[in-house]
Amino acid sequence: MPNIAPSLKDEELERYADRLKALGSPARLRILLMLIGTKRPLHIKAVAENLGMDYAAVYRHVETLKRARLLEVYEVGRSRVLTPARPDSIKAFLELLSSLGQEPS
């Protein structure tokens, strides 16, 4: 496996850190997993209701995921519709995290 760390610039490391921070919340992971699981965009209100969360709290989490470029938000009338950015990459990353926590073989 190539050693990419020395070739990373500070701004790239900052972007990586921002994405990891965005994924560091169970609520934000639930939002992403719900959107990936539905395979279709959802209104932010539907996400809040399905997760049993306050709309304002979901909105704040959505803004964090959007800034990290993990989520896309579209305005549809007065509603916000959510869809994950690169769902296959997010799933692969979560699978990698899962494998990191397992006992070595």
Protein backbone atom coordinates (compact mmCIF):
# COMPACT_ATOMS: atom_id res chain seq x y z
CA MET A 1 0.00 0.00 0.00
CA PRO A 2 1.49 3.37 -0.97
CA ASN A 3 2.39 5.82 1.77
CA ILE A 4 0.22 8.87 0.98
CA ALA A 5 0.66 10.74 4.27
CA PRO A 6 3.84 12.66 3.34
CA SER A 7 2.28 13.88 0.08
CA LEU A 8 -0.86 15.33 1.72
CA LYS A 9 -1.06 19.08 2.01
CA ASP A 10 -2.35 20.83 5.11
CA GLU A 11 -5.57 21.86 3.37
CA GLU A 12 -6.26 18.25 2.37
CA LEU A 13 -5.68 17.10 5.92
CA GLU A 14 -8.11 19.78 7.14
CA ARG A 15 -10.78 18.53 4.72
CA TYR A 16 -10.24 14.95 5.87
CA ALA A 17 -10.46 16.01 9.50
CA ASP A 18 -13.69 17.94 8.81
CA ARG A 19 -15.27 14.87 7.19
CA LEU A 20 -14.19 12.64 10.06
CA LYS A 21 -15.60 15.13 12.59
CA ALA A 22 -18.89 15.17 10.67
CA LEU A 23 -19.01 11.37 10.84
CA GLY A 24 -18.18 11.46 14.56
CA SER A 25 -21.80 11.87 15.64
CA PRO A 26 -24.17 8.90 15.98
CA ALA A 27 -27.07 11.17 14.95
CA ARG A 28 -25.32 12.20 11.75
CA LEU A 29 -24.44 8.59 10.99
CA ARG A 30 -28.12 7.65 11.48
CA ILE A 31 -29.15 10.40 9.05
CA LEU A 32 -26.67 9.20 6.41
CA LEU A 33 -27.59 5.54 6.87
CA MET A 34 -31.29 6.32 6.56
CA LEU A 35 -30.73 8.23 3.34
CA ILE A 36 -28.48 5.54 1.90
CA GLY A 37 -31.00 2.86 2.88
CA THR A 38 -33.96 4.54 1.21
CA LYS A 39 -32.15 5.01 -2.12
CA ARG A 40 -34.23 8.14 -2.72
CA PRO A 41 -34.14 11.73 -1.50
CA LEU A 42 -36.09 12.52 1.65
CA HIS A 43 -37.50 15.73 3.07
CA ILE A 44 -35.67 16.86 6.19
CA LYS A 45 -38.99 16.74 8.08
CA ALA A 46 -39.41 13.05 7.17
CA VAL A 47 -35.88 12.33 8.41
CA ALA A 48 -36.63 14.07 11.72
CA GLU A 49 -39.90 12.16 12.16
CA ASN A 50 -38.40 8.78 11.25
CA LEU A 51 -35.52 9.25 13.68
CA GLY A 52 -37.74 10.71 16.41
CA MET A 53 -35.61 13.85 16.51
CA ASP A 54 -36.40 17.52 16.71
CA TYR A 55 -36.44 19.23 13.30
CA ALA A 56 -34.01 21.95 14.45
CA ALA A 57 -31.53 19.35 15.70
CA VAL A 58 -31.70 17.44 12.40
CA TYR A 59 -31.27 20.70 10.52
CA ARG A 60 -28.05 21.47 12.44
CA HIS A 61 -26.70 17.97 11.75
CA VAL A 62 -27.61 18.31 8.07
CA GLU A 63 -25.68 21.58 7.85
CA THR A 64 -22.59 19.86 9.28
CA LEU A 65 -22.88 16.99 6.80
CA LYS A 66 -23.43 19.44 3.96
CA ARG A 67 -20.31 21.47 4.88
CA ALA A 68 -18.32 18.22 4.92
CA ARG A 69 -19.70 17.43 1.44
CA LEU A 70 -21.24 14.19 2.65
CA LEU A 71 -24.79 15.29 1.95
CA GLU A 72 -26.53 17.27 -0.76
CA VAL A 73 -29.47 19.51 0.05
CA TYR A 74 -31.96 20.67 -2.56
CA GLU A 75 -34.62 23.32 -2.11
CA VAL A 76 -38.03 22.10 -3.28
CA GLY A 77 -40.46 24.92 -2.70
CA ARG A 78 -40.13 25.71 0.98
CA SER A 79 -38.83 22.24 1.82
CA ARG A 80 -35.32 20.86 1.93
CA VAL A 81 -34.71 17.49 0.31
CA LEU A 82 -31.67 15.45 1.31
CA THR A 83 -29.59 12.92 -0.55
CA PRO A 84 -26.21 11.44 0.36
CA ALA A 85 -23.21 12.45 -1.73
CA ARG A 86 -21.38 9.35 -2.97
CA PRO A 87 -23.41 6.75 -1.02
CA ASP A 88 -21.21 3.85 -2.19
CA SER A 89 -18.09 5.57 -0.85
CA ILE A 90 -19.78 6.27 2.49
CA LYS A 91 -20.87 2.61 2.78
CA ALA A 92 -17.36 1.42 1.93
CA PHE A 93 -15.87 3.74 4.55
CA LEU A 94 -18.28 2.50 7.22
CA GLU A 95 -17.45 -1.10 6.30
CA LEU A 96 -13.75 -0.25 6.66
CA LEU A 97 -14.43 1.21 10.11
CA SER A 98 -16.28 -1.95 11.07
CA SER A 99 -13.37 -4.14 9.95
CA LEU A 100 -10.88 -1.98 11.91
CA GLY A 101 -12.71 -2.84 15.13
CA GLN A 102 -12.50 -6.60 14.61
CA GLU A 103 -9.88 -8.87 16.10
CA PRO A 104 -6.96 -9.47 13.73
CA SER A 105 -7.01 -12.87 12.08
